[in-house]
Amino acid sequence: MSTQMYLAYDYPLLSMFWTLLWFFLWIMWFILLFRIIGDIFRDDSLSGWGKTGWLVFVIVLPFLGVFIYLIARGKDMGGREVKHAQAQQRAFDDYIRETAGGAGRPSSAEELAKLSEIRARGDITDEEFRRAKELVLADHGPSAGSGTAT
């Protein structure tokens, strides 16, 4: 005598709704807990003992610790996160500038060396070389004012 039990009959829609709500609240709780722990480590104004005290409080008494942390220090959490993101962006930009430093606009010496190679191969005439050299020196700053004006 085996009777089949149907899940919908034993687990009504309202029970499923409450289960999903509790599951969602637990996920949100853990996200909040991890954000607070990250904020504790990110805050440079807290001493080591202060960070340790908040961590112990948040871990030993999680609900009370998180709520008190949000009341006491929650106002500045967003500011600390923005400062951290800006510092990361500056570090990334500095790294890109440092790494791609030579990939930007070539210097006048590099351009003149290329022009000299092209003239040595005979691809351009001396007159074309002179005009190109004047253009390169004119583009790269005021030190090129010593060239001849035609």
N, C-alpha and C. Protein backbone atom coordinates (compact mmCIF):
# COMPACT_ATOMS: atom_id res chain seq x y z
N MET A 1 0.80 -1.18 0.00
CA MET A 1 0.00 0.00 0.00
C MET A 1 0.85 1.26 0.00
N SER A 2 1.20 1.62 -1.09
CA SER A 2 1.98 2.85 -1.18
C SER A 2 1.08 3.97 -1.67
N THR A 3 1.07 4.99 -0.91
CA THR A 3 0.28 6.16 -1.31
C THR A 3 1.26 7.26 -1.71
N GLN A 4 0.93 7.91 -2.77
CA GLN A 4 1.77 9.00 -3.23
C GLN A 4 1.37 10.28 -2.50
N MET A 5 2.39 11.00 -2.07
CA MET A 5 2.13 12.28 -1.44
C MET A 5 2.56 13.37 -2.41
N TYR A 6 1.74 14.34 -2.55
CA TYR A 6 2.03 15.43 -3.46
C TYR A 6 2.62 16.60 -2.68
N LEU A 7 3.66 17.15 -3.22
CA LEU A 7 4.36 18.24 -2.54
C LEU A 7 3.46 19.46 -2.39
N ALA A 8 2.68 19.77 -3.39
CA ALA A 8 1.81 20.94 -3.32
C ALA A 8 0.75 20.76 -2.25
N TYR A 9 0.35 19.57 -2.01
CA TYR A 9 -0.67 19.32 -0.98
C TYR A 9 -0.07 19.45 0.42
N ASP A 10 1.15 18.95 0.59
CA ASP A 10 1.78 18.99 1.90
C ASP A 10 2.50 20.32 2.18
N TYR A 11 2.79 21.05 1.17
CA TYR A 11 3.56 22.29 1.32
C TYR A 11 2.82 23.40 0.58
N PRO A 12 1.88 24.05 1.18
CA PRO A 12 1.05 25.02 0.47
C PRO A 12 1.85 26.25 0.03
N LEU A 13 1.22 27.04 -0.78
CA LEU A 13 1.86 28.20 -1.39
C LEU A 13 2.33 29.21 -0.35
N LEU A 14 1.56 29.45 0.66
CA LEU A 14 1.95 30.40 1.69
C LEU A 14 3.19 29.93 2.45
N SER A 15 3.30 28.66 2.70
CA SER A 15 4.50 28.12 3.36
C SER A 15 5.72 28.28 2.47
N MET A 16 5.54 28.09 1.16
CA MET A 16 6.65 28.29 0.24
C MET A 16 7.07 29.75 0.22
N PHE A 17 6.10 30.66 0.27
CA PHE A 17 6.41 32.08 0.32
C PHE A 17 7.22 32.42 1.56
N TRP A 18 6.81 31.93 2.73
CA TRP A 18 7.54 32.22 3.96
C TRP A 18 8.94 31.62 3.94
N THR A 19 9.08 30.44 3.36
CA THR A 19 10.41 29.82 3.26
C THR A 19 11.31 30.67 2.38
N LEU A 20 10.82 31.13 1.26
CA LEU A 20 11.63 31.99 0.38
C LEU A 20 11.96 33.31 1.05
N LEU A 21 11.02 33.87 1.80
CA LEU A 21 11.27 35.12 2.51
C LEU A 21 12.39 34.93 3.54
N TRP A 22 12.32 33.86 4.33
CA TRP A 22 13.36 33.61 5.33
C TRP A 22 14.72 33.34 4.66
N PHE A 23 14.72 32.62 3.56
CA PHE A 23 15.95 32.36 2.81
C PHE A 23 16.55 33.68 2.32
N PHE A 24 15.73 34.56 1.78
CA PHE A 24 16.18 35.86 1.30
C PHE A 24 16.74 36.69 2.45
N LEU A 25 16.06 36.69 3.59
CA LEU A 25 16.52 37.46 4.74
C LEU A 25 17.87 36.95 5.26
N TRP A 26 18.09 35.63 5.27
CA TRP A 26 19.37 35.09 5.69
C TRP A 26 20.48 35.49 4.73
N ILE A 27 20.19 35.47 3.44
CA ILE A 27 21.20 35.90 2.46
C ILE A 27 21.54 37.37 2.67
N MET A 28 20.52 38.20 2.85
CA MET A 28 20.75 39.62 3.09
C MET A 28 21.54 39.84 4.39
N TRP A 29 21.24 39.03 5.40
CA TRP A 29 21.96 39.15 6.66
C TRP A 29 23.45 38.87 6.48
N PHE A 30 23.77 37.81 5.75
CA PHE A 30 25.18 37.49 5.54
C PHE A 30 25.87 38.55 4.68
N ILE A 31 25.18 39.09 3.70
CA ILE A 31 25.77 40.17 2.90
C ILE A 31 26.09 41.36 3.79
N LEU A 32 25.14 41.74 4.65
CA LEU A 32 25.36 42.85 5.57
C LEU A 32 26.51 42.56 6.52
N LEU A 33 26.57 41.35 7.04
CA LEU A 33 27.64 40.97 7.96
C LEU A 33 29.01 41.09 7.29
N PHE A 34 29.12 40.58 6.08
CA PHE A 34 30.41 40.64 5.38
C PHE A 34 30.78 42.07 4.99
N ARG A 35 29.80 42.90 4.65
CA ARG A 35 30.10 44.30 4.35
C ARG A 35 30.59 45.02 5.59
N ILE A 36 30.02 44.72 6.73
CA ILE A 36 30.46 45.37 7.97
C ILE A 36 31.87 44.89 8.34
N ILE A 37 32.14 43.62 8.19
CA ILE A 37 33.49 43.12 8.48
C ILE A 37 34.50 43.77 7.53
N GLY A 38 34.13 43.90 6.25
CA GLY A 38 35.01 44.59 5.30
C GLY A 38 35.22 46.04 5.67
N ASP A 39 34.17 46.70 6.15
CA ASP A 39 34.29 48.10 6.56
C ASP A 39 35.18 48.23 7.79
N ILE A 40 35.11 47.29 8.69
CA ILE A 40 35.97 47.33 9.87
C ILE A 40 37.44 47.27 9.45
N PHE A 41 37.77 46.37 8.53
CA PHE A 41 39.15 46.26 8.07
C PHE A 41 39.57 47.45 7.21
N ARG A 42 38.66 48.06 6.48
CA ARG A 42 38.97 49.16 5.58
C ARG A 42 39.21 50.47 6.33
N ASP A 43 38.63 50.63 7.51
CA ASP A 43 38.68 51.89 8.23
C ASP A 43 40.06 52.13 8.81
N ASP A 44 40.73 53.17 8.34
CA ASP A 44 42.07 53.50 8.82
C ASP A 44 42.05 54.28 10.12
N SER A 45 40.90 54.84 10.49
CA SER A 45 40.84 55.63 11.73
C SER A 45 40.73 54.74 12.97
N LEU A 46 40.37 53.48 12.80
CA LEU A 46 40.28 52.56 13.94
C LEU A 46 41.67 51.99 14.24
N SER A 47 41.96 51.87 15.52
CA SER A 47 43.21 51.23 15.90
C SER A 47 43.05 49.71 15.79
N GLY A 48 44.11 49.01 16.00
CA GLY A 48 44.05 47.55 15.96
C GLY A 48 43.14 46.99 17.04
N TRP A 49 43.19 47.60 18.23
CA TRP A 49 42.33 47.15 19.31
C TRP A 49 40.86 47.46 19.02
N GLY A 50 40.62 48.60 18.40
CA GLY A 50 39.25 48.95 18.03
C GLY A 50 38.68 47.98 17.01
N LYS A 51 39.50 47.65 16.02
CA LYS A 51 39.05 46.68 15.01
C LYS A 51 38.79 45.32 15.65
N THR A 52 39.69 44.92 16.56
CA THR A 52 39.51 43.63 17.24
C THR A 52 38.24 43.63 18.07
N GLY A 53 37.99 44.72 18.79
CA GLY A 53 36.79 44.81 19.62
C GLY A 53 35.52 44.73 18.79
N TRP A 54 35.47 45.47 17.67
CA TRP A 54 34.29 45.41 16.81
C TRP A 54 34.11 44.02 16.20
N LEU A 55 35.20 43.42 15.78
CA LEU A 55 35.10 42.07 15.19
C LEU A 55 34.59 41.05 16.20
N VAL A 56 35.12 41.11 17.42
CA VAL A 56 34.65 40.18 18.44
C VAL A 56 33.17 40.42 18.73
N PHE A 57 32.79 41.68 18.83
CA PHE A 57 31.40 42.01 19.10
C PHE A 57 30.48 41.54 17.98
N VAL A 58 30.90 41.73 16.73
CA VAL A 58 30.08 41.34 15.58
C VAL A 58 30.02 39.82 15.43
N ILE A 59 31.09 39.12 15.80
CA ILE A 59 31.11 37.66 15.62
C ILE A 59 30.46 36.94 16.81
N VAL A 60 30.71 37.41 18.04
CA VAL A 60 30.15 36.74 19.21
C VAL A 60 28.65 37.01 19.36
N LEU A 61 28.26 38.25 19.18
CA LEU A 61 26.85 38.62 19.25
C LEU A 61 26.44 39.23 17.90
N PRO A 62 26.25 38.40 16.89
CA PRO A 62 26.12 38.93 15.54
C PRO A 62 24.97 39.92 15.33
N PHE A 63 23.78 39.60 15.78
CA PHE A 63 22.66 40.50 15.53
C PHE A 63 22.84 41.83 16.27
N LEU A 64 23.11 41.75 17.55
CA LEU A 64 23.29 42.94 18.35
C LEU A 64 24.52 43.73 17.88
N GLY A 65 25.61 43.03 17.59
CA GLY A 65 26.84 43.69 17.14
C GLY A 65 26.65 44.43 15.83
N VAL A 66 25.97 43.81 14.89
CA VAL A 66 25.75 44.46 13.58
C VAL A 66 24.85 45.66 13.74
N PHE A 67 23.79 45.53 14.51
CA PHE A 67 22.87 46.66 14.67
C PHE A 67 23.54 47.83 15.39
N ILE A 68 24.33 47.55 16.41
CA ILE A 68 25.02 48.62 17.12
C ILE A 68 26.09 49.24 16.22
N TYR A 69 26.79 48.43 15.43
CA TYR A 69 27.77 48.97 14.50
C TYR A 69 27.10 49.90 13.49
N LEU A 70 25.95 49.50 12.96
CA LEU A 70 25.24 50.34 12.01
C LEU A 70 24.80 51.65 12.65
N ILE A 71 24.37 51.59 13.89
CA ILE A 71 23.95 52.82 14.58
C ILE A 71 25.16 53.71 14.86
N ALA A 72 26.24 53.13 15.35
CA ALA A 72 27.41 53.91 15.76
C ALA A 72 28.26 54.39 14.59
N ARG A 73 28.47 53.55 13.60
CA ARG A 73 29.43 53.89 12.54
C ARG A 73 28.86 53.75 11.13
N GLY A 74 27.59 53.47 11.00
CA GLY A 74 27.01 53.22 9.69
C GLY A 74 26.96 54.43 8.79
N LYS A 75 26.91 55.63 9.39
CA LYS A 75 26.78 56.84 8.58
C LYS A 75 28.00 57.04 7.67
N ASP A 76 29.16 56.66 8.12
CA ASP A 76 30.39 56.89 7.35
C ASP A 76 30.81 55.70 6.51
N MET A 77 30.04 54.61 6.52
CA MET A 77 30.41 53.42 5.74
C MET A 77 30.49 53.74 4.25
N GLY A 78 29.53 54.47 3.74
CA GLY A 78 29.53 54.81 2.31
C GLY A 78 30.71 55.67 1.94
N GLY A 79 31.05 56.63 2.78
CA GLY A 79 32.21 57.49 2.51
C GLY A 79 33.51 56.71 2.47
N ARG A 80 33.65 55.77 3.41
CA ARG A 80 34.87 54.94 3.40
C ARG A 80 34.93 54.07 2.16
N GLU A 81 33.79 53.56 1.73
CA GLU A 81 33.77 52.72 0.53
C GLU A 81 34.10 53.54 -0.72
N VAL A 82 33.59 54.77 -0.78
CA VAL A 82 33.89 55.64 -1.93
C VAL A 82 35.38 56.00 -1.94
N LYS A 83 35.95 56.34 -0.77
CA LYS A 83 37.38 56.66 -0.72
C LYS A 83 38.23 55.46 -1.14
N HIS A 84 37.82 54.27 -0.71
CA HIS A 84 38.55 53.06 -1.09
C HIS A 84 38.47 52.83 -2.60
N ALA A 85 37.30 53.02 -3.18
CA ALA A 85 37.14 52.84 -4.63
C ALA A 85 37.95 53.88 -5.40
N GLN A 86 37.98 55.12 -4.92
CA GLN A 86 38.77 56.16 -5.58
C GLN A 86 40.26 55.86 -5.49
N ALA A 87 40.70 55.36 -4.35
CA ALA A 87 42.12 55.00 -4.20
C ALA A 87 42.49 53.86 -5.14
N GLN A 88 41.59 52.87 -5.27
CA GLN A 88 41.86 51.78 -6.21
C GLN A 88 41.89 52.30 -7.64
N GLN A 89 41.00 53.22 -8.00
CA GLN A 89 40.99 53.77 -9.36
C GLN A 89 42.26 54.56 -9.63
N ARG A 90 42.72 55.36 -8.65
CA ARG A 90 43.96 56.10 -8.82
C ARG A 90 45.14 55.16 -9.00
N ALA A 91 45.19 54.10 -8.20
CA ALA A 91 46.29 53.13 -8.32
C ALA A 91 46.25 52.45 -9.69
N PHE A 92 45.05 52.12 -10.15
CA PHE A 92 44.92 51.50 -11.46
C PHE A 92 45.35 52.47 -12.57
N ASP A 93 44.93 53.73 -12.47
CA ASP A 93 45.31 54.73 -13.47
C ASP A 93 46.82 54.96 -13.48
N ASP A 94 47.42 55.01 -12.28
CA ASP A 94 48.88 55.17 -12.21
C ASP A 94 49.59 53.98 -12.84
N TYR A 95 49.08 52.80 -12.58
CA TYR A 95 49.68 51.60 -13.17
C TYR A 95 49.58 51.64 -14.70
N ILE A 96 48.42 52.04 -15.21
CA ILE A 96 48.25 52.12 -16.66
C ILE A 96 49.18 53.17 -17.24
N ARG A 97 49.28 54.34 -16.59
CA ARG A 97 50.18 55.37 -17.09
C ARG A 97 51.63 54.91 -17.08
N GLU A 98 52.01 54.21 -16.01
CA GLU A 98 53.39 53.72 -15.89
C GLU A 98 53.68 52.65 -16.94
N THR A 99 52.74 51.74 -17.12
CA THR A 99 52.94 50.64 -18.05
C THR A 99 52.90 51.10 -19.50
N ALA A 100 51.96 51.97 -19.81
CA ALA A 100 51.79 52.41 -21.20
C ALA A 100 52.48 53.74 -21.46
N GLY A 101 53.45 54.09 -20.63
CA GLY A 101 54.13 55.38 -20.78
C GLY A 101 54.75 55.56 -22.15
N GLY A 102 55.40 54.56 -22.67
CA GLY A 102 56.03 54.67 -23.97
C GLY A 102 55.09 54.44 -25.13
N ALA A 103 53.86 54.01 -24.85
CA ALA A 103 52.93 53.71 -25.93
C ALA A 103 52.15 54.93 -26.37
N GLY A 104 52.36 56.07 -25.71
CA GLY A 104 51.65 57.29 -26.08
C GLY A 104 52.29 57.92 -27.30
N ARG A 105 52.24 59.23 -27.34
CA ARG A 105 52.82 59.99 -28.45
C ARG A 105 54.34 59.85 -28.42
N PRO A 106 54.93 59.51 -29.55
CA PRO A 106 56.39 59.34 -29.57
C PRO A 106 57.09 60.68 -29.40
N SER A 107 58.31 60.64 -28.85
CA SER A 107 59.07 61.87 -28.65
C SER A 107 59.64 62.37 -29.97
N SER A 108 60.08 63.61 -29.95
CA SER A 108 60.62 64.19 -31.18
C SER A 108 61.90 63.45 -31.60
N ALA A 109 62.68 62.99 -30.64
CA ALA A 109 63.91 62.26 -30.99
C ALA A 109 63.57 60.95 -31.71
N GLU A 110 62.52 60.25 -31.24
CA GLU A 110 62.11 59.00 -31.91
C GLU A 110 61.62 59.28 -33.33
N GLU A 111 60.83 60.34 -33.48
CA GLU A 111 60.32 60.67 -34.82
C GLU A 111 61.45 61.08 -35.75
N LEU A 112 62.41 61.85 -35.24
CA LEU A 112 63.55 62.26 -36.08
C LEU A 112 64.41 61.06 -36.46
N ALA A 113 64.56 60.10 -35.54
CA ALA A 113 65.33 58.90 -35.86
C ALA A 113 64.63 58.11 -36.98
N LYS A 114 63.31 58.02 -36.91
CA LYS A 114 62.58 57.31 -37.97
C LYS A 114 62.71 58.04 -39.30
N LEU A 115 62.60 59.38 -39.26
CA LEU A 115 62.77 60.15 -40.49
C LEU A 115 64.17 59.96 -41.08
N SER A 116 65.16 59.91 -40.21
CA SER A 116 66.54 59.72 -40.68
C SER A 116 66.71 58.35 -41.35
N GLU A 117 66.06 57.32 -40.75
CA GLU A 117 66.12 55.99 -41.37
C GLU A 117 65.44 55.98 -42.73
N ILE A 118 64.32 56.65 -42.83
CA ILE A 118 63.59 56.69 -44.11
C ILE A 118 64.42 57.41 -45.16
N ARG A 119 65.07 58.53 -44.77
CA ARG A 119 65.93 59.25 -45.73
C ARG A 119 67.13 58.41 -46.11
N ALA A 120 67.73 57.66 -45.16
CA ALA A 120 68.89 56.84 -45.46
C ALA A 120 68.54 55.72 -46.44
N ARG A 121 67.30 55.21 -46.35
CA ARG A 121 66.87 54.17 -47.31
C ARG A 121 66.57 54.76 -48.68
N GLY A 122 66.43 56.09 -48.74
CA GLY A 122 66.14 56.73 -50.02
C GLY A 122 64.65 56.83 -50.32
N ASP A 123 63.81 56.63 -49.32
CA ASP A 123 62.37 56.72 -49.55
C ASP A 123 61.87 58.15 -49.64
N ILE A 124 62.61 59.09 -49.02
CA ILE A 124 62.24 60.50 -49.14
C ILE A 124 63.47 61.30 -49.55
N THR A 125 63.24 62.45 -50.13
CA THR A 125 64.35 63.31 -50.55
C THR A 125 64.80 64.17 -49.38
N ASP A 126 65.93 64.87 -49.59
CA ASP A 126 66.43 65.75 -48.53
C ASP A 126 65.46 66.89 -48.24
N GLU A 127 64.80 67.40 -49.27
CA GLU A 127 63.83 68.47 -49.07
C GLU A 127 62.62 67.97 -48.26
N GLU A 128 62.13 66.78 -48.57
CA GLU A 128 61.02 66.20 -47.81
C GLU A 128 61.44 65.94 -46.37
N PHE A 129 62.68 65.51 -46.17
CA PHE A 129 63.19 65.28 -44.83
C PHE A 129 63.23 66.58 -44.04
N ARG A 130 63.69 67.68 -44.69
CA ARG A 130 63.77 68.97 -44.02
C ARG A 130 62.38 69.46 -43.61
N ARG A 131 61.39 69.35 -44.49
CA ARG A 131 60.03 69.79 -44.16
C ARG A 131 59.42 68.93 -43.04
N ALA A 132 59.65 67.63 -43.11
CA ALA A 132 59.11 66.75 -42.07
C ALA A 132 59.78 67.03 -40.73
N LYS A 133 61.09 67.32 -40.76
CA LYS A 133 61.80 67.64 -39.53
C LYS A 133 61.27 68.93 -38.92
N GLU A 134 60.99 69.93 -39.74
CA GLU A 134 60.42 71.18 -39.24
C GLU A 134 59.04 70.93 -38.60
N LEU A 135 58.24 70.06 -39.22
CA LEU A 135 56.92 69.74 -38.66
C LEU A 135 57.04 69.03 -37.31
N VAL A 136 57.98 68.10 -37.24
CA VAL A 136 58.17 67.36 -35.99
C VAL A 136 58.62 68.31 -34.89
N LEU A 137 59.58 69.17 -35.19
CA LEU A 137 60.08 70.10 -34.18
C LEU A 137 59.03 71.14 -33.80
N ALA A 138 58.19 71.53 -34.73
CA ALA A 138 57.13 72.50 -34.44
C ALA A 138 56.06 71.87 -33.55
N ASP A 139 55.79 70.58 -33.75
CA ASP A 139 54.77 69.89 -32.95
C ASP A 139 55.22 69.63 -31.53
N HIS A 140 56.51 69.53 -31.29
CA HIS A 140 57.00 69.08 -29.98
C HIS A 140 57.52 70.21 -29.11
N GLY A 141 57.11 71.40 -29.29
CA GLY A 141 57.43 72.42 -28.31
C GLY A 141 58.12 73.64 -28.85
N PRO A 142 58.37 74.63 -27.95
CA PRO A 142 58.92 75.91 -28.34
C PRO A 142 60.39 75.86 -28.69
N SER A 143 61.10 74.79 -28.36
CA SER A 143 62.52 74.71 -28.68
C SER A 143 62.74 74.58 -30.18
N ALA A 144 61.67 74.39 -30.94
CA ALA A 144 61.80 74.24 -32.38
C ALA A 144 61.79 75.58 -33.08
N GLY A 145 61.75 76.70 -32.37
CA GLY A 145 61.70 78.02 -32.99
C GLY A 145 62.96 78.41 -33.70
N SER A 146 64.04 77.64 -33.60
CA SER A 146 65.29 77.97 -34.23
C SER A 146 65.36 77.53 -35.68
N GLY A 147 64.29 76.87 -36.18
CA GLY A 147 64.26 76.42 -37.58
C GLY A 147 64.07 77.59 -38.53
N THR A 148 64.28 77.34 -39.81
CA THR A 148 64.15 78.40 -40.81
C THR A 148 62.71 78.55 -41.21
N ALA A 149 62.31 79.78 -41.48
CA ALA A 149 60.94 80.06 -41.92
C ALA A 149 60.94 80.24 -43.42
N THR A 150 60.06 79.61 -44.12
CA THR A 150 60.04 79.74 -45.58
C THR A 150 58.86 80.52 -46.04
